[in-house]
Amino acid sequence: MGKKRICFVCSAVIENDDFEINSEVLLAVCPRCKGTENEKKKVEEYLDSLADGLVCGCI
């Protein structure tokens, strides 16, 4: 039994191998959310939280 994956957009448990990895945040996304506006918004949210007000998020 493998590790269960969760879609980072809708938080649904992905039961089988029917998912992709978002190349920007390297998290699993289900086929229902892939390429949607919700996915784009969630990626922006995740990337914005990395910087925490800084110009560069590498710190």
C-alpha atoms as a PDB file:
ATOM      1  CA  MET A   1       0.000   0.000   0.000  1.00  0.00           C
ATOM      2  CA  GLY A   2       1.560   3.287  -1.128  1.00  0.00           C
ATOM      3  CA  LYS A   3       1.388   6.779   0.184  1.00  0.00           C
ATOM      4  CA  LYS A   4      -1.909   8.526  -0.511  1.00  0.00           C
ATOM      5  CA  ARG A   5      -1.636  11.717  -2.493  1.00  0.00           C
ATOM      6  CA  ILE A   6      -3.826  14.746  -1.939  1.00  0.00           C
ATOM      7  CA  CYS A   7      -4.653  17.329  -4.588  1.00  0.00           C
ATOM      8  CA  PHE A   8      -3.160  20.635  -3.445  1.00  0.00           C
ATOM      9  CA  VAL A   9      -6.033  22.540  -5.093  1.00  0.00           C
ATOM     10  CA  CYS A  10      -9.196  20.777  -3.863  1.00  0.00           C
ATOM     11  CA  SER A  11      -7.694  18.583  -1.087  1.00  0.00           C
ATOM     12  CA  ALA A  12      -9.287  15.432  -2.526  1.00  0.00           C
ATOM     13  CA  VAL A  13      -7.512  12.149  -1.859  1.00  0.00           C
ATOM     14  CA  ILE A  14      -6.129  10.733  -5.105  1.00  0.00           C
ATOM     15  CA  GLU A  15      -6.739   6.978  -4.907  1.00  0.00           C
ATOM     16  CA  ASN A  16      -4.960   5.833  -8.074  1.00  0.00           C
ATOM     17  CA  ASP A  17      -2.158   7.076 -10.289  1.00  0.00           C
ATOM     18  CA  ASP A  18      -4.495   9.486 -12.095  1.00  0.00           C
ATOM     19  CA  PHE A  19      -2.702  12.725 -11.199  1.00  0.00           C
ATOM     20  CA  GLU A  20       0.008  15.061 -12.417  1.00  0.00           C
ATOM     21  CA  ILE A  21       2.669  17.029 -10.581  1.00  0.00           C
ATOM     22  CA  ASN A  22       2.417  20.796 -10.908  1.00  0.00           C
ATOM     23  CA  SER A  23       5.824  21.893 -12.196  1.00  0.00           C
ATOM     24  CA  GLU A  24       5.801  25.210 -10.314  1.00  0.00           C
ATOM     25  CA  VAL A  25       5.118  23.972  -6.783  1.00  0.00           C
ATOM     26  CA  LEU A  26       5.933  20.254  -7.286  1.00  0.00           C
ATOM     27  CA  LEU A  27       2.678  19.071  -5.709  1.00  0.00           C
ATOM     28  CA  ALA A  28       0.080  16.578  -6.932  1.00  0.00           C
ATOM     29  CA  VAL A  29      -2.972  17.885  -8.763  1.00  0.00           C
ATOM     30  CA  CYS A  30      -5.995  15.788  -9.748  1.00  0.00           C
ATOM     31  CA  PRO A  31      -7.315  15.728 -13.336  1.00  0.00           C
ATOM     32  CA  ARG A  32     -10.418  17.691 -12.297  1.00  0.00           C
ATOM     33  CA  CYS A  33      -8.300  20.650 -11.100  1.00  0.00           C
ATOM     34  CA  LYS A  34      -5.454  20.450 -13.660  1.00  0.00           C
ATOM     35  CA  GLY A  35      -5.280  23.602 -15.794  1.00  0.00           C
ATOM     36  CA  THR A  36      -8.125  25.396 -14.025  1.00  0.00           C
ATOM     37  CA  GLU A  37      -8.209  28.934 -12.730  1.00  0.00           C
ATOM     38  CA  ASN A  38      -8.345  27.504  -9.192  1.00  0.00           C
ATOM     39  CA  GLU A  39      -5.017  25.756  -9.770  1.00  0.00           C
ATOM     40  CA  LYS A  40      -3.439  28.997 -10.997  1.00  0.00           C
ATOM     41  CA  LYS A  41      -4.746  30.905  -7.958  1.00  0.00           C
ATOM     42  CA  LYS A  42      -3.471  28.234  -5.556  1.00  0.00           C
ATOM     43  CA  VAL A  43      -0.006  28.276  -7.193  1.00  0.00           C
ATOM     44  CA  GLU A  44       0.108  32.075  -6.811  1.00  0.00           C
ATOM     45  CA  GLU A  45      -0.955  31.748  -3.172  1.00  0.00           C
ATOM     46  CA  TYR A  46       1.746  29.172  -2.445  1.00  0.00           C
ATOM     47  CA  LEU A  47       4.478  31.145  -4.200  1.00  0.00           C
ATOM     48  CA  ASP A  48       3.445  34.447  -2.581  1.00  0.00           C
ATOM     49  CA  SER A  49       3.601  32.869   0.872  1.00  0.00           C
ATOM     50  CA  LEU A  50       7.215  31.784   0.236  1.00  0.00           C
ATOM     51  CA  ALA A  51       8.468  35.349  -0.119  1.00  0.00           C
ATOM     52  CA  ASP A  52       6.685  36.629   2.981  1.00  0.00           C
ATOM     53  CA  GLY A  53       7.152  40.241   1.909  1.00  0.00           C
ATOM     54  CA  LEU A  54      10.733  39.802   0.717  1.00  0.00           C
ATOM     55  CA  VAL A  55      11.911  40.541  -2.814  1.00  0.00           C
ATOM     56  CA  CYS A  56      13.657  37.175  -3.095  1.00  0.00           C
ATOM     57  CA  GLY A  57      12.087  33.940  -1.823  1.00  0.00           C
ATOM     58  CA  CYS A  58      15.409  32.082  -1.654  1.00  0.00           C
ATOM     59  CA  ILE A  59      16.081  32.977   1.984  1.00  0.00           C
END
